[in-house]
Amino acid sequence: MVHPDIDRLLAEWEERLKSELAQLTSSAEEGGSISFGKRVGDGTSMAVDRLAAVSTQEHLLAMLQDIRRARDRVADGGYGLCELCGAPIPDERLEVLPWAVRCVQHR
């Protein structure tokens, strides 16, 4: 059964992710340049931090895309059905991942 407030819940997640992405991108812009010398130091630490931020950003962008697809599915009446096979997505999966648009078999 589709939760009646699912679009509101997905909208809240979408806003939360957009806020996190804004923080990540503003942090990268404020970081300055990275310089590397003969010694391991701040430059290496900054590079590692930026690589971690890029990975986090990629994960959040993919999640945001999934949330937007799920909201589209709510709007068109397909929420809760696998976008590939049309089978119902189990309620347990939707409770854990409300933005799931595919069943476990097609995840």
N, C-alpha and C. Protein backbone atom coordinates (compact mmCIF):
# COMPACT_ATOMS: atom_id res chain seq x y z
N MET A 1 0.84 -1.19 0.00
CA MET A 1 0.00 0.00 0.00
C MET A 1 0.88 1.25 0.00
N VAL A 2 0.58 2.18 -0.86
CA VAL A 2 1.35 3.42 -0.95
C VAL A 2 0.96 4.34 0.19
N HIS A 3 1.95 4.80 0.90
CA HIS A 3 1.73 5.75 2.00
C HIS A 3 1.16 7.04 1.42
N PRO A 4 0.09 7.58 2.02
CA PRO A 4 -0.56 8.76 1.44
C PRO A 4 0.32 10.00 1.38
N ASP A 5 1.29 10.12 2.25
CA ASP A 5 2.15 11.31 2.28
C ASP A 5 3.50 11.06 1.62
N ILE A 6 3.57 10.07 0.72
CA ILE A 6 4.86 9.70 0.15
C ILE A 6 5.49 10.84 -0.64
N ASP A 7 4.70 11.60 -1.38
CA ASP A 7 5.29 12.70 -2.15
C ASP A 7 5.87 13.76 -1.22
N ARG A 8 5.21 14.04 -0.12
CA ARG A 8 5.74 15.00 0.86
C ARG A 8 7.05 14.48 1.44
N LEU A 9 7.10 13.19 1.79
CA LEU A 9 8.31 12.58 2.33
C LEU A 9 9.45 12.66 1.31
N LEU A 10 9.15 12.33 0.06
CA LEU A 10 10.17 12.39 -0.99
C LEU A 10 10.63 13.83 -1.22
N ALA A 11 9.71 14.79 -1.15
CA ALA A 11 10.07 16.20 -1.31
C ALA A 11 11.01 16.65 -0.18
N GLU A 12 10.76 16.17 1.03
CA GLU A 12 11.64 16.50 2.16
C GLU A 12 13.04 15.94 1.93
N TRP A 13 13.12 14.70 1.47
CA TRP A 13 14.41 14.08 1.15
C TRP A 13 15.12 14.86 0.05
N GLU A 14 14.36 15.26 -0.96
CA GLU A 14 14.94 16.02 -2.07
C GLU A 14 15.56 17.32 -1.57
N GLU A 15 14.85 18.06 -0.73
CA GLU A 15 15.37 19.31 -0.18
C GLU A 15 16.60 19.08 0.68
N ARG A 16 16.57 18.02 1.48
CA ARG A 16 17.71 17.69 2.35
C ARG A 16 18.95 17.42 1.51
N LEU A 17 18.78 16.64 0.43
CA LEU A 17 19.92 16.32 -0.42
C LEU A 17 20.44 17.55 -1.16
N LYS A 18 19.54 18.40 -1.63
CA LYS A 18 19.97 19.62 -2.31
C LYS A 18 20.77 20.50 -1.35
N SER A 19 20.37 20.56 -0.11
CA SER A 19 21.10 21.33 0.90
C SER A 19 22.49 20.74 1.14
N GLU A 20 22.57 19.41 1.26
CA GLU A 20 23.86 18.75 1.46
C GLU A 20 24.78 18.98 0.26
N LEU A 21 24.22 18.91 -0.94
CA LEU A 21 25.01 19.15 -2.14
C LEU A 21 25.52 20.59 -2.19
N ALA A 22 24.69 21.53 -1.80
CA ALA A 22 25.10 22.93 -1.77
C ALA A 22 26.26 23.13 -0.79
N GLN A 23 26.20 22.46 0.36
CA GLN A 23 27.29 22.57 1.33
C GLN A 23 28.58 21.97 0.78
N LEU A 24 28.46 20.83 0.11
CA LEU A 24 29.65 20.18 -0.46
C LEU A 24 30.30 21.06 -1.51
N THR A 25 29.51 21.63 -2.39
CA THR A 25 30.08 22.44 -3.46
C THR A 25 30.65 23.75 -2.93
N SER A 26 30.03 24.33 -1.92
CA SER A 26 30.58 25.57 -1.36
C SER A 26 31.88 25.29 -0.63
N SER A 27 32.01 24.15 0.01
CA SER A 27 33.25 23.79 0.71
C SER A 27 34.39 23.63 -0.29
N ALA A 28 34.11 23.01 -1.44
CA ALA A 28 35.15 22.80 -2.44
C ALA A 28 35.61 24.13 -3.03
N GLU A 29 34.69 25.04 -3.24
CA GLU A 29 35.04 26.34 -3.83
C GLU A 29 35.89 27.18 -2.87
N GLU A 30 35.69 27.01 -1.58
CA GLU A 30 36.42 27.80 -0.59
C GLU A 30 37.79 27.22 -0.28
N GLY A 31 38.05 26.01 -0.76
CA GLY A 31 39.26 25.28 -0.37
C GLY A 31 40.56 25.84 -0.89
N GLY A 32 40.55 26.59 -1.96
CA GLY A 32 41.79 27.12 -2.50
C GLY A 32 42.50 26.08 -3.36
N SER A 33 43.76 26.35 -3.64
CA SER A 33 44.52 25.44 -4.50
C SER A 33 45.30 24.45 -3.65
N ILE A 34 45.62 23.36 -4.29
CA ILE A 34 46.39 22.31 -3.62
C ILE A 34 47.79 22.32 -4.21
N SER A 35 48.79 22.33 -3.34
CA SER A 35 50.16 22.24 -3.83
C SER A 35 50.82 21.03 -3.19
N PHE A 36 51.65 20.36 -3.97
CA PHE A 36 52.36 19.19 -3.49
C PHE A 36 53.85 19.47 -3.54
N GLY A 37 54.53 19.10 -2.49
CA GLY A 37 55.97 19.26 -2.44
C GLY A 37 56.61 17.91 -2.21
N LYS A 38 57.77 17.93 -1.62
CA LYS A 38 58.49 16.68 -1.35
C LYS A 38 57.96 16.00 -0.08
N ARG A 39 57.31 16.77 0.77
CA ARG A 39 56.82 16.20 2.02
C ARG A 39 55.31 16.01 1.95
N VAL A 40 54.86 14.97 2.65
CA VAL A 40 53.42 14.74 2.76
C VAL A 40 52.91 15.76 3.76
N GLY A 41 51.87 16.48 3.39
CA GLY A 41 51.39 17.51 4.29
C GLY A 41 49.97 17.90 3.97
N ASP A 42 49.69 19.17 4.14
CA ASP A 42 48.34 19.67 3.96
C ASP A 42 47.80 19.44 2.55
N GLY A 43 48.67 19.57 1.55
CA GLY A 43 48.22 19.35 0.17
C GLY A 43 47.66 17.96 -0.03
N THR A 44 48.32 16.96 0.51
CA THR A 44 47.85 15.59 0.39
C THR A 44 46.55 15.40 1.14
N SER A 45 46.49 15.97 2.31
CA SER A 45 45.27 15.87 3.12
C SER A 45 44.10 16.52 2.39
N MET A 46 44.33 17.70 1.80
CA MET A 46 43.27 18.39 1.06
C MET A 46 42.83 17.57 -0.15
N ALA A 47 43.78 16.96 -0.83
CA ALA A 47 43.45 16.15 -2.01
C ALA A 47 42.58 14.95 -1.61
N VAL A 48 42.93 14.30 -0.53
CA VAL A 48 42.15 13.16 -0.05
C VAL A 48 40.74 13.62 0.35
N ASP A 49 40.65 14.75 1.03
CA ASP A 49 39.35 15.29 1.42
C ASP A 49 38.49 15.59 0.20
N ARG A 50 39.10 16.16 -0.83
CA ARG A 50 38.34 16.49 -2.04
C ARG A 50 37.88 15.23 -2.77
N LEU A 51 38.74 14.21 -2.80
CA LEU A 51 38.32 12.95 -3.43
C LEU A 51 37.13 12.34 -2.70
N ALA A 52 37.16 12.41 -1.38
CA ALA A 52 36.04 11.90 -0.59
C ALA A 52 34.79 12.72 -0.86
N ALA A 53 34.94 14.04 -0.98
CA ALA A 53 33.80 14.91 -1.25
C ALA A 53 33.20 14.63 -2.63
N VAL A 54 34.05 14.36 -3.60
CA VAL A 54 33.57 14.04 -4.95
C VAL A 54 32.77 12.75 -4.92
N SER A 55 33.27 11.75 -4.22
CA SER A 55 32.56 10.48 -4.10
C SER A 55 31.21 10.68 -3.41
N THR A 56 31.21 11.46 -2.35
CA THR A 56 29.97 11.75 -1.64
C THR A 56 29.00 12.50 -2.55
N GLN A 57 29.52 13.46 -3.30
CA GLN A 57 28.68 14.24 -4.21
C GLN A 57 28.05 13.33 -5.27
N GLU A 58 28.83 12.42 -5.84
CA GLU A 58 28.30 11.50 -6.85
C GLU A 58 27.19 10.64 -6.26
N HIS A 59 27.39 10.16 -5.04
CA HIS A 59 26.37 9.34 -4.37
C HIS A 59 25.09 10.15 -4.13
N LEU A 60 25.24 11.38 -3.65
CA LEU A 60 24.07 12.22 -3.38
C LEU A 60 23.34 12.59 -4.66
N LEU A 61 24.07 12.85 -5.74
CA LEU A 61 23.43 13.17 -7.02
C LEU A 61 22.63 11.99 -7.56
N ALA A 62 23.19 10.78 -7.43
CA ALA A 62 22.47 9.58 -7.86
C ALA A 62 21.21 9.37 -7.02
N MET A 63 21.33 9.59 -5.73
CA MET A 63 20.19 9.46 -4.83
C MET A 63 19.12 10.51 -5.16
N LEU A 64 19.55 11.73 -5.44
CA LEU A 64 18.62 12.79 -5.81
C LEU A 64 17.88 12.45 -7.10
N GLN A 65 18.59 11.88 -8.04
CA GLN A 65 17.96 11.46 -9.30
C GLN A 65 16.91 10.37 -9.03
N ASP A 66 17.23 9.42 -8.16
CA ASP A 66 16.27 8.37 -7.80
C ASP A 66 15.03 8.96 -7.14
N ILE A 67 15.23 9.92 -6.25
CA ILE A 67 14.10 10.56 -5.57
C ILE A 67 13.20 11.27 -6.57
N ARG A 68 13.81 11.97 -7.51
CA ARG A 68 13.01 12.67 -8.52
C ARG A 68 12.25 11.69 -9.41
N ARG A 69 12.87 10.56 -9.75
CA ARG A 69 12.16 9.54 -10.53
C ARG A 69 11.00 8.97 -9.73
N ALA A 70 11.21 8.74 -8.42
CA ALA A 70 10.13 8.22 -7.58
C ALA A 70 8.98 9.22 -7.50
N ARG A 71 9.30 10.51 -7.40
CA ARG A 71 8.25 11.54 -7.36
C ARG A 71 7.48 11.57 -8.68
N ASP A 72 8.19 11.38 -9.79
CA ASP A 72 7.51 11.29 -11.09
C ASP A 72 6.57 10.10 -11.12
N ARG A 73 7.01 8.99 -10.50
CA ARG A 73 6.18 7.78 -10.46
C ARG A 73 4.94 8.01 -9.59
N VAL A 74 5.08 8.78 -8.52
CA VAL A 74 3.92 9.12 -7.70
C VAL A 74 2.93 9.91 -8.55
N ALA A 75 3.44 10.89 -9.28
CA ALA A 75 2.59 11.76 -10.10
C ALA A 75 1.86 11.00 -11.19
N ASP A 76 2.53 10.01 -11.80
CA ASP A 76 1.89 9.28 -12.90
C ASP A 76 1.18 8.00 -12.47
N GLY A 77 1.16 7.74 -11.15
CA GLY A 77 0.44 6.58 -10.64
C GLY A 77 1.23 5.29 -10.65
N GLY A 78 2.50 5.33 -11.01
CA GLY A 78 3.30 4.11 -11.07
C GLY A 78 4.14 3.84 -9.84
N TYR A 79 4.01 4.70 -8.81
CA TYR A 79 4.82 4.50 -7.61
C TYR A 79 4.49 3.15 -6.97
N GLY A 80 5.52 2.45 -6.55
CA GLY A 80 5.34 1.15 -5.90
C GLY A 80 5.40 -0.01 -6.86
N LEU A 81 5.56 0.30 -8.16
CA LEU A 81 5.70 -0.74 -9.17
C LEU A 81 7.08 -0.62 -9.80
N CYS A 82 7.72 -1.75 -10.06
CA CYS A 82 9.04 -1.76 -10.68
C CYS A 82 8.96 -1.13 -12.06
N GLU A 83 9.86 -0.19 -12.33
CA GLU A 83 9.85 0.49 -13.63
C GLU A 83 10.29 -0.42 -14.76
N LEU A 84 10.89 -1.58 -14.46
CA LEU A 84 11.33 -2.49 -15.50
C LEU A 84 10.33 -3.61 -15.78
N CYS A 85 9.85 -4.26 -14.71
CA CYS A 85 8.98 -5.42 -14.93
C CYS A 85 7.53 -5.17 -14.55
N GLY A 86 7.26 -4.06 -13.84
CA GLY A 86 5.90 -3.74 -13.45
C GLY A 86 5.40 -4.46 -12.21
N ALA A 87 6.23 -5.32 -11.63
CA ALA A 87 5.83 -6.04 -10.41
C ALA A 87 5.81 -5.08 -9.22
N PRO A 88 4.94 -5.37 -8.25
CA PRO A 88 4.91 -4.52 -7.05
C PRO A 88 6.24 -4.57 -6.30
N ILE A 89 6.69 -3.41 -5.85
CA ILE A 89 7.88 -3.34 -5.00
C ILE A 89 7.39 -3.61 -3.58
N PRO A 90 8.00 -4.57 -2.88
CA PRO A 90 7.53 -4.90 -1.52
C PRO A 90 7.51 -3.69 -0.60
N ASP A 91 6.48 -3.63 0.25
CA ASP A 91 6.35 -2.52 1.20
C ASP A 91 7.60 -2.36 2.06
N GLU A 92 8.21 -3.49 2.42
CA GLU A 92 9.41 -3.43 3.26
C GLU A 92 10.52 -2.67 2.56
N ARG A 93 10.67 -2.89 1.26
CA ARG A 93 11.71 -2.18 0.49
C ARG A 93 11.40 -0.69 0.44
N LEU A 94 10.12 -0.36 0.22
CA LEU A 94 9.72 1.05 0.14
C LEU A 94 9.84 1.75 1.49
N GLU A 95 9.72 1.00 2.57
CA GLU A 95 9.90 1.60 3.89
C GLU A 95 11.36 2.00 4.09
N VAL A 96 12.27 1.15 3.63
CA VAL A 96 13.70 1.41 3.78
C VAL A 96 14.19 2.43 2.76
N LEU A 97 13.73 2.27 1.50
CA LEU A 97 14.11 3.16 0.40
C LEU A 97 12.85 3.69 -0.26
N PRO A 98 12.25 4.74 0.29
CA PRO A 98 11.00 5.23 -0.28
C PRO A 98 11.14 5.69 -1.73
N TRP A 99 12.36 5.92 -2.19
CA TRP A 99 12.59 6.35 -3.57
C TRP A 99 12.90 5.19 -4.50
N ALA A 100 12.74 3.95 -4.02
CA ALA A 100 13.00 2.78 -4.88
C ALA A 100 12.01 2.77 -6.04
N VAL A 101 12.52 2.60 -7.25
CA VAL A 101 11.67 2.53 -8.43
C VAL A 101 11.81 1.17 -9.13
N ARG A 102 12.62 0.30 -8.51
CA ARG A 102 12.80 -1.04 -9.06
C ARG A 102 12.67 -2.07 -7.96
N CYS A 103 12.19 -3.23 -8.32
CA CYS A 103 12.09 -4.34 -7.36
C CYS A 103 13.50 -4.83 -7.03
N VAL A 104 13.61 -5.71 -6.06
CA VAL A 104 14.91 -6.21 -5.62
C VAL A 104 15.62 -6.93 -6.78
N GLN A 105 14.87 -7.65 -7.56
CA GLN A 105 15.47 -8.42 -8.67
C GLN A 105 16.13 -7.49 -9.70
N HIS A 106 15.61 -6.30 -9.89
CA HIS A 106 16.12 -5.38 -10.91
C HIS A 106 16.88 -4.18 -10.34
N ARG A 107 17.21 -4.19 -9.07
CA ARG A 107 17.85 -3.03 -8.47
C ARG A 107 19.13 -2.66 -9.08
